[in-house]
């Protein structure tokens, strides 16, 4: 407890910093932000940058423990699709906790424009389509 106080941290944060690699701490913080924000666009962009920057070992370390709590169903599926895409790109298996996130029951489109739906249906990456998410840009892309 003295070391945690000296570091200016609470005991839980100090212990997690010792137990989890920096990647795991960063992912957990991003998931907390994703839960807390009404408009998740900046957090999703930051998550995109974070996952795109990781090596295979970094991704494995970041995903070792599940987040404390997942965001709502839509955001949880966006997170899961991004993780699955990153894992596929790096040739590693996504963690089991990602498989426990059930796909959306109804399709979600990144745009409300009906004229773009066919484009989104055909351009969405496989991990996103499996989760009933239809987007144009994905992990590593910039709009």
N, C-alpha and C. Protein backbone atom coordinates (compact mmCIF):
# COMPACT_ATOMS: atom_id res chain seq x y z
N UNK A 1 0.83 -1.18 0.00
CA UNK A 1 0.00 0.00 0.00
C UNK A 1 0.88 1.25 0.00
N UNK A 2 2.03 1.16 0.69
CA UNK A 2 2.94 2.30 0.70
C UNK A 2 3.48 2.58 -0.69
N UNK A 3 3.82 1.53 -1.42
CA UNK A 3 4.35 1.71 -2.78
C UNK A 3 3.30 2.30 -3.71
N UNK A 4 2.06 1.87 -3.56
CA UNK A 4 0.98 2.41 -4.38
C UNK A 4 0.79 3.89 -4.09
N UNK A 5 0.78 4.25 -2.81
CA UNK A 5 0.65 5.67 -2.43
C UNK A 5 1.82 6.48 -2.97
N UNK A 6 3.02 5.92 -2.88
CA UNK A 6 4.21 6.63 -3.35
C UNK A 6 4.15 6.85 -4.86
N UNK A 7 3.51 5.93 -5.57
CA UNK A 7 3.37 6.06 -7.02
C UNK A 7 2.17 6.93 -7.40
N UNK A 8 1.42 7.36 -6.40
CA UNK A 8 0.24 8.19 -6.66
C UNK A 8 -0.91 7.40 -7.25
N UNK A 9 -1.01 6.11 -6.91
CA UNK A 9 -2.03 5.24 -7.46
C UNK A 9 -2.81 4.57 -6.34
N UNK A 10 -4.03 4.11 -6.68
CA UNK A 10 -4.73 3.28 -5.69
C UNK A 10 -4.12 1.88 -5.75
N UNK A 11 -4.42 1.07 -4.76
CA UNK A 11 -3.80 -0.24 -4.66
C UNK A 11 -4.13 -1.14 -5.85
N UNK A 12 -5.39 -1.12 -6.28
CA UNK A 12 -5.79 -1.96 -7.42
C UNK A 12 -5.04 -1.55 -8.68
N UNK A 13 -4.99 -0.26 -8.97
CA UNK A 13 -4.27 0.21 -10.16
C UNK A 13 -2.80 -0.13 -10.11
N UNK A 14 -2.21 0.00 -8.93
CA UNK A 14 -0.79 -0.31 -8.78
C UNK A 14 -0.53 -1.80 -9.02
N UNK A 15 -1.40 -2.65 -8.45
CA UNK A 15 -1.23 -4.10 -8.63
C UNK A 15 -1.44 -4.51 -10.09
N UNK A 16 -2.46 -3.93 -10.74
CA UNK A 16 -2.69 -4.24 -12.15
C UNK A 16 -1.50 -3.82 -13.01
N UNK A 17 -0.90 -2.68 -12.69
CA UNK A 17 0.26 -2.22 -13.44
C UNK A 17 1.42 -3.21 -13.30
N UNK A 18 1.49 -3.89 -12.19
CA UNK A 18 2.55 -4.88 -11.99
C UNK A 18 2.22 -6.22 -12.66
N UNK A 19 0.92 -6.56 -12.70
CA UNK A 19 0.52 -7.86 -13.21
C UNK A 19 0.27 -7.88 -14.71
N UNK A 20 -0.29 -6.79 -15.23
CA UNK A 20 -0.65 -6.73 -16.64
C UNK A 20 0.41 -6.00 -17.44
N UNK A 21 0.69 -6.47 -18.64
CA UNK A 21 1.58 -5.70 -19.51
C UNK A 21 0.91 -4.36 -19.86
N UNK A 22 1.70 -3.40 -20.29
CA UNK A 22 1.17 -2.09 -20.65
C UNK A 22 0.05 -2.20 -21.68
N UNK A 23 0.16 -3.16 -22.60
CA UNK A 23 -0.87 -3.32 -23.62
C UNK A 23 -2.21 -3.68 -22.99
N UNK A 24 -2.19 -4.56 -21.99
CA UNK A 24 -3.43 -4.96 -21.31
C UNK A 24 -4.07 -3.80 -20.58
N UNK A 25 -3.24 -2.99 -19.94
CA UNK A 25 -3.75 -1.82 -19.22
C UNK A 25 -4.38 -0.84 -20.22
N UNK A 26 -3.70 -0.62 -21.34
CA UNK A 26 -4.21 0.32 -22.35
C UNK A 26 -5.54 -0.15 -22.93
N UNK A 27 -5.64 -1.44 -23.26
CA UNK A 27 -6.89 -1.97 -23.80
C UNK A 27 -8.03 -1.82 -22.79
N UNK A 28 -7.78 -2.14 -21.55
CA UNK A 28 -8.81 -2.03 -20.52
C UNK A 28 -9.28 -0.57 -20.38
N UNK A 29 -8.34 0.37 -20.46
CA UNK A 29 -8.70 1.78 -20.37
C UNK A 29 -9.55 2.20 -21.56
N UNK A 30 -9.21 1.72 -22.76
CA UNK A 30 -10.00 2.05 -23.94
C UNK A 30 -11.41 1.47 -23.86
N UNK A 31 -11.54 0.26 -23.34
CA UNK A 31 -12.87 -0.35 -23.19
C UNK A 31 -13.69 0.44 -22.17
N UNK A 32 -13.07 0.89 -21.09
CA UNK A 32 -13.78 1.74 -20.12
C UNK A 32 -14.26 3.02 -20.79
N UNK A 33 -13.39 3.63 -21.61
CA UNK A 33 -13.79 4.84 -22.34
C UNK A 33 -14.94 4.56 -23.31
N UNK A 34 -14.88 3.41 -23.96
CA UNK A 34 -15.94 3.03 -24.91
C UNK A 34 -17.28 2.89 -24.19
N UNK A 35 -17.26 2.39 -22.97
CA UNK A 35 -18.49 2.26 -22.18
C UNK A 35 -19.01 3.63 -21.74
N UNK A 36 -18.10 4.53 -21.45
CA UNK A 36 -18.48 5.81 -20.82
C UNK A 36 -18.92 6.88 -21.80
N UNK A 37 -18.47 6.81 -23.02
CA UNK A 37 -18.74 7.90 -23.98
C UNK A 37 -20.06 7.72 -24.70
N UNK A 38 -20.77 8.82 -24.85
CA UNK A 38 -22.01 8.80 -25.62
C UNK A 38 -21.70 8.68 -27.11
N UNK A 39 -20.70 9.44 -27.58
CA UNK A 39 -20.24 9.34 -28.97
C UNK A 39 -18.91 8.60 -28.96
N UNK A 40 -18.90 7.35 -29.41
CA UNK A 40 -17.69 6.53 -29.30
C UNK A 40 -16.70 6.70 -30.46
N UNK A 41 -16.96 7.60 -31.40
CA UNK A 41 -16.14 7.65 -32.61
C UNK A 41 -14.65 7.87 -32.32
N UNK A 42 -14.33 8.76 -31.38
CA UNK A 42 -12.92 9.00 -31.09
C UNK A 42 -12.28 7.81 -30.38
N UNK A 43 -13.03 7.16 -29.51
CA UNK A 43 -12.51 5.99 -28.80
C UNK A 43 -12.29 4.85 -29.79
N UNK A 44 -13.23 4.65 -30.71
CA UNK A 44 -13.07 3.61 -31.72
C UNK A 44 -11.85 3.89 -32.61
N UNK A 45 -11.63 5.15 -32.94
CA UNK A 45 -10.44 5.51 -33.74
C UNK A 45 -9.16 5.25 -32.95
N UNK A 46 -9.19 5.56 -31.66
CA UNK A 46 -8.02 5.31 -30.82
C UNK A 46 -7.79 3.81 -30.66
N UNK A 47 -8.87 3.06 -30.52
CA UNK A 47 -8.77 1.61 -30.43
C UNK A 47 -8.20 1.04 -31.72
N UNK A 48 -8.63 1.57 -32.86
CA UNK A 48 -8.10 1.18 -34.16
C UNK A 48 -6.58 1.39 -34.20
N UNK A 49 -6.14 2.57 -33.80
CA UNK A 49 -4.71 2.88 -33.80
C UNK A 49 -3.94 1.96 -32.87
N UNK A 50 -4.49 1.73 -31.69
CA UNK A 50 -3.83 0.86 -30.71
C UNK A 50 -3.69 -0.56 -31.24
N UNK A 51 -4.79 -1.15 -31.70
CA UNK A 51 -4.74 -2.53 -32.19
C UNK A 51 -3.85 -2.66 -33.43
N UNK A 52 -3.85 -1.65 -34.29
CA UNK A 52 -3.03 -1.68 -35.50
C UNK A 52 -1.54 -1.61 -35.18
N UNK A 53 -1.20 -1.03 -34.04
CA UNK A 53 0.21 -0.85 -33.68
C UNK A 53 0.83 -2.07 -33.01
N UNK A 54 0.01 -3.04 -32.61
CA UNK A 54 0.51 -4.16 -31.83
C UNK A 54 1.13 -5.25 -32.70
N UNK A 55 2.14 -5.90 -32.15
CA UNK A 55 2.69 -7.11 -32.76
C UNK A 55 1.83 -8.29 -32.30
N UNK A 56 2.13 -9.48 -32.80
CA UNK A 56 1.37 -10.66 -32.39
C UNK A 56 1.49 -10.89 -30.89
N UNK A 57 2.69 -10.76 -30.35
CA UNK A 57 2.86 -10.97 -28.91
C UNK A 57 2.21 -9.85 -28.11
N UNK A 58 2.25 -8.63 -28.62
CA UNK A 58 1.59 -7.51 -27.95
C UNK A 58 0.09 -7.68 -27.91
N UNK A 59 -0.49 -8.15 -29.02
CA UNK A 59 -1.94 -8.38 -29.07
C UNK A 59 -2.32 -9.49 -28.09
N UNK A 60 -1.56 -10.55 -28.09
CA UNK A 60 -1.84 -11.66 -27.17
C UNK A 60 -1.78 -11.18 -25.72
N UNK A 61 -0.79 -10.36 -25.41
CA UNK A 61 -0.66 -9.83 -24.04
C UNK A 61 -1.82 -8.90 -23.71
N UNK A 62 -2.22 -8.07 -24.65
CA UNK A 62 -3.31 -7.12 -24.41
C UNK A 62 -4.63 -7.83 -24.16
N UNK A 63 -4.82 -8.97 -24.80
CA UNK A 63 -6.11 -9.67 -24.74
C UNK A 63 -6.16 -10.79 -23.72
N UNK A 64 -5.09 -10.95 -22.96
CA UNK A 64 -5.00 -12.06 -22.03
C UNK A 64 -6.16 -12.11 -21.05
N UNK A 65 -6.50 -10.98 -20.48
CA UNK A 65 -7.63 -10.91 -19.54
C UNK A 65 -8.78 -10.14 -20.17
N UNK A 66 -10.01 -10.58 -19.93
CA UNK A 66 -11.15 -9.82 -20.47
C UNK A 66 -11.28 -8.48 -19.75
N UNK A 67 -11.91 -7.51 -20.40
CA UNK A 67 -12.16 -6.23 -19.73
C UNK A 67 -13.03 -6.44 -18.50
N UNK A 68 -12.99 -5.48 -17.58
CA UNK A 68 -13.80 -5.56 -16.35
C UNK A 68 -15.27 -5.70 -16.69
N UNK A 69 -15.73 -4.90 -17.64
CA UNK A 69 -17.12 -4.95 -18.10
C UNK A 69 -17.14 -4.47 -19.54
N UNK A 70 -18.00 -5.08 -20.33
CA UNK A 70 -18.11 -4.71 -21.73
C UNK A 70 -19.11 -3.58 -21.92
N UNK A 71 -18.96 -2.82 -23.00
CA UNK A 71 -19.96 -1.79 -23.30
C UNK A 71 -21.27 -2.43 -23.77
N UNK A 72 -22.20 -1.63 -24.22
CA UNK A 72 -23.48 -2.14 -24.72
C UNK A 72 -23.24 -3.11 -25.89
N UNK A 73 -24.31 -3.74 -26.32
CA UNK A 73 -24.23 -4.80 -27.33
C UNK A 73 -23.56 -4.34 -28.63
N UNK A 74 -23.91 -3.17 -29.13
CA UNK A 74 -23.32 -2.66 -30.37
C UNK A 74 -21.82 -2.42 -30.20
N UNK A 75 -21.44 -1.69 -29.15
CA UNK A 75 -20.02 -1.37 -28.94
C UNK A 75 -19.21 -2.63 -28.64
N UNK A 76 -19.79 -3.58 -27.93
CA UNK A 76 -19.10 -4.84 -27.65
C UNK A 76 -18.82 -5.59 -28.95
N UNK A 77 -19.77 -5.57 -29.88
CA UNK A 77 -19.57 -6.24 -31.16
C UNK A 77 -18.55 -5.50 -32.02
N UNK A 78 -18.54 -4.17 -31.96
CA UNK A 78 -17.52 -3.41 -32.69
C UNK A 78 -16.13 -3.75 -32.14
N UNK A 79 -16.01 -3.80 -30.83
CA UNK A 79 -14.75 -4.17 -30.18
C UNK A 79 -14.34 -5.58 -30.60
N UNK A 80 -15.26 -6.52 -30.53
CA UNK A 80 -14.96 -7.91 -30.88
C UNK A 80 -14.52 -8.03 -32.34
N UNK A 81 -15.21 -7.35 -33.25
CA UNK A 81 -14.86 -7.42 -34.67
C UNK A 81 -13.47 -6.82 -34.91
N UNK A 82 -13.15 -5.73 -34.22
CA UNK A 82 -11.83 -5.13 -34.37
C UNK A 82 -10.75 -6.07 -33.85
N UNK A 83 -11.00 -6.72 -32.72
CA UNK A 83 -10.04 -7.67 -32.15
C UNK A 83 -9.87 -8.87 -33.07
N UNK A 84 -10.98 -9.40 -33.59
CA UNK A 84 -10.90 -10.54 -34.50
C UNK A 84 -10.13 -10.18 -35.77
N UNK A 85 -10.33 -8.98 -36.28
CA UNK A 85 -9.61 -8.52 -37.47
C UNK A 85 -8.12 -8.40 -37.18
N UNK A 86 -7.78 -7.84 -36.04
CA UNK A 86 -6.37 -7.70 -35.65
C UNK A 86 -5.73 -9.07 -35.48
N UNK A 87 -6.43 -9.99 -34.83
CA UNK A 87 -5.91 -11.33 -34.61
C UNK A 87 -5.68 -12.05 -35.94
N UNK A 88 -6.64 -11.93 -36.85
CA UNK A 88 -6.50 -12.57 -38.16
C UNK A 88 -5.31 -11.98 -38.92
N UNK A 89 -5.16 -10.67 -38.87
CA UNK A 89 -4.06 -10.00 -39.57
C UNK A 89 -2.70 -10.47 -39.05
N UNK A 90 -2.62 -10.75 -37.74
CA UNK A 90 -1.35 -11.14 -37.12
C UNK A 90 -1.18 -12.65 -37.01
N UNK A 91 -2.20 -13.40 -37.41
CA UNK A 91 -2.09 -14.86 -37.38
C UNK A 91 -2.17 -15.46 -35.99
N UNK A 92 -2.92 -14.82 -35.11
CA UNK A 92 -3.13 -15.37 -33.76
C UNK A 92 -4.62 -15.59 -33.55
N UNK A 93 -4.94 -16.43 -32.59
CA UNK A 93 -6.34 -16.70 -32.28
C UNK A 93 -6.88 -15.64 -31.33
N UNK A 94 -8.09 -15.16 -31.57
CA UNK A 94 -8.69 -14.23 -30.61
C UNK A 94 -8.97 -14.97 -29.30
N UNK A 95 -9.02 -14.27 -28.20
CA UNK A 95 -9.28 -14.94 -26.92
C UNK A 95 -10.71 -15.44 -26.84
N UNK A 96 -10.93 -16.39 -25.95
CA UNK A 96 -12.26 -16.98 -25.78
C UNK A 96 -13.32 -15.97 -25.39
N UNK A 97 -12.93 -14.98 -24.59
CA UNK A 97 -13.92 -14.02 -24.12
C UNK A 97 -14.55 -13.25 -25.28
N UNK A 98 -13.84 -13.12 -26.39
CA UNK A 98 -14.41 -12.45 -27.57
C UNK A 98 -15.51 -13.31 -28.19
N UNK A 99 -15.31 -14.62 -28.19
CA UNK A 99 -16.32 -15.54 -28.74
C UNK A 99 -17.62 -15.50 -27.95
N UNK A 100 -17.55 -15.10 -26.69
CA UNK A 100 -18.74 -15.06 -25.84
C UNK A 100 -19.63 -13.85 -26.13
N UNK A 101 -19.13 -12.91 -26.93
CA UNK A 101 -19.94 -11.75 -27.32
C UNK A 101 -20.82 -12.17 -28.49
N UNK A 102 -22.10 -12.25 -28.26
CA UNK A 102 -23.03 -12.72 -29.29
C UNK A 102 -23.22 -11.65 -30.36
N UNK A 103 -23.30 -12.08 -31.64
CA UNK A 103 -23.53 -11.11 -32.74
C UNK A 103 -24.85 -10.37 -32.56
N UNK A 104 -24.92 -9.21 -33.18
CA UNK A 104 -26.15 -8.42 -33.14
C UNK A 104 -27.29 -9.20 -33.79
N UNK A 105 -28.47 -9.04 -33.27
CA UNK A 105 -29.65 -9.72 -33.84
C UNK A 105 -30.12 -9.03 -35.12
N UNK A 106 -29.97 -7.72 -35.18
CA UNK A 106 -30.38 -6.98 -36.37
C UNK A 106 -29.16 -6.27 -36.96
N UNK A 107 -29.12 -6.12 -38.26
CA UNK A 107 -27.97 -5.49 -38.91
C UNK A 107 -27.79 -4.04 -38.46
N UNK A 108 -26.54 -3.63 -38.36
CA UNK A 108 -26.19 -2.25 -38.05
C UNK A 108 -25.33 -1.72 -39.20
N UNK A 109 -25.71 -0.59 -39.75
CA UNK A 109 -24.99 0.01 -40.87
C UNK A 109 -24.30 1.28 -40.40
N UNK A 110 -23.07 1.48 -40.87
CA UNK A 110 -22.27 2.65 -40.48
C UNK A 110 -22.85 3.94 -41.03
N UNK A 111 -23.74 3.85 -41.99
CA UNK A 111 -24.37 5.04 -42.56
C UNK A 111 -25.87 4.81 -42.62
N UNK A 112 -26.61 5.87 -42.41
CA UNK A 112 -28.07 5.77 -42.51
C UNK A 112 -28.56 5.95 -43.95
N UNK A 113 -27.65 6.27 -44.87
CA UNK A 113 -28.03 6.47 -46.27
C UNK A 113 -28.36 5.12 -46.92
N UNK A 114 -29.57 4.98 -47.37
CA UNK A 114 -29.99 3.72 -48.00
C UNK A 114 -29.16 3.41 -49.24
N UNK A 115 -28.73 4.45 -49.96
CA UNK A 115 -27.96 4.24 -51.19
C UNK A 115 -26.59 3.63 -50.92
N UNK A 116 -26.11 3.68 -49.69
CA UNK A 116 -24.80 3.11 -49.35
C UNK A 116 -24.88 1.68 -48.81
N UNK A 117 -26.05 1.21 -48.54
CA UNK A 117 -26.18 -0.10 -47.89
C UNK A 117 -25.60 -1.24 -48.73
N UNK A 118 -25.85 -1.26 -50.01
CA UNK A 118 -25.29 -2.32 -50.85
C UNK A 118 -23.77 -2.28 -50.82
N UNK A 119 -23.21 -1.10 -50.89
CA UNK A 119 -21.76 -0.94 -50.81
C UNK A 119 -21.25 -1.49 -49.48
N UNK A 120 -21.89 -1.13 -48.37
CA UNK A 120 -21.46 -1.59 -47.06
C UNK A 120 -21.63 -3.10 -46.92
N UNK A 121 -22.69 -3.63 -47.48
CA UNK A 121 -22.91 -5.08 -47.43
C UNK A 121 -21.80 -5.85 -48.14
N UNK A 122 -21.29 -5.29 -49.23
CA UNK A 122 -20.27 -6.00 -50.01
C UNK A 122 -18.84 -5.68 -49.58
N UNK A 123 -18.61 -4.59 -48.88
CA UNK A 123 -17.26 -4.17 -48.51
C UNK A 123 -16.86 -4.48 -47.07
N UNK A 124 -17.81 -4.81 -46.23
CA UNK A 124 -17.50 -5.06 -44.83
C UNK A 124 -16.57 -6.26 -44.68
N UNK A 125 -15.56 -6.15 -43.85
CA UNK A 125 -14.68 -7.30 -43.59
C UNK A 125 -15.45 -8.44 -42.93
N UNK A 126 -14.95 -9.65 -43.10
CA UNK A 126 -15.64 -10.85 -42.64
C UNK A 126 -15.99 -10.80 -41.16
N UNK A 127 -15.07 -10.38 -40.31
CA UNK A 127 -15.34 -10.36 -38.86
C UNK A 127 -16.50 -9.44 -38.54
N UNK A 128 -16.63 -8.36 -39.27
CA UNK A 128 -17.72 -7.41 -39.05
C UNK A 128 -19.04 -7.99 -39.57
N UNK A 129 -19.00 -8.60 -40.76
CA UNK A 129 -20.22 -9.20 -41.31
C UNK A 129 -20.76 -10.30 -40.40
N UNK A 130 -19.85 -11.13 -39.85
CA UNK A 130 -20.29 -12.20 -38.94
C UNK A 130 -21.03 -11.65 -37.73
N UNK A 131 -20.71 -10.43 -37.37
CA UNK A 131 -21.33 -9.81 -36.20
C UNK A 131 -22.48 -8.88 -36.58
N UNK A 132 -22.88 -8.92 -37.86
CA UNK A 132 -24.01 -8.13 -38.36
C UNK A 132 -23.69 -6.63 -38.36
N UNK A 133 -22.41 -6.30 -38.51
CA UNK A 133 -21.94 -4.92 -38.60
C UNK A 133 -21.51 -4.67 -40.03
N UNK A 134 -21.96 -3.58 -40.61
CA UNK A 134 -21.63 -3.29 -42.00
C UNK A 134 -20.95 -1.92 -42.07
N UNK A 135 -19.65 -1.98 -42.32
CA UNK A 135 -18.79 -0.79 -42.33
C UNK A 135 -17.97 -0.78 -43.60
N UNK A 136 -17.37 0.35 -43.89
CA UNK A 136 -16.50 0.45 -45.06
C UNK A 136 -15.04 0.34 -44.67
N UNK A 137 -14.64 1.09 -43.65
CA UNK A 137 -13.25 1.09 -43.21
C UNK A 137 -13.12 0.15 -42.01
N UNK A 138 -11.94 -0.43 -41.86
CA UNK A 138 -11.72 -1.35 -40.76
C UNK A 138 -10.35 -1.12 -40.15
N UNK A 139 -9.88 -2.06 -39.42
CA UNK A 139 -8.63 -1.96 -38.68
C UNK A 139 -7.48 -1.54 -39.60
N UNK A 140 -6.82 -0.48 -39.22
CA UNK A 140 -5.68 0.02 -39.99
C UNK A 140 -6.05 1.06 -41.03
N UNK A 141 -7.34 1.15 -41.38
CA UNK A 141 -7.80 2.12 -42.36
C UNK A 141 -8.03 3.47 -41.70
N UNK A 142 -7.97 4.48 -42.49
CA UNK A 142 -8.30 5.83 -42.02
C UNK A 142 -9.31 6.44 -42.97
N UNK A 143 -10.26 7.13 -42.39
CA UNK A 143 -11.28 7.79 -43.22
C UNK A 143 -10.92 9.25 -43.40
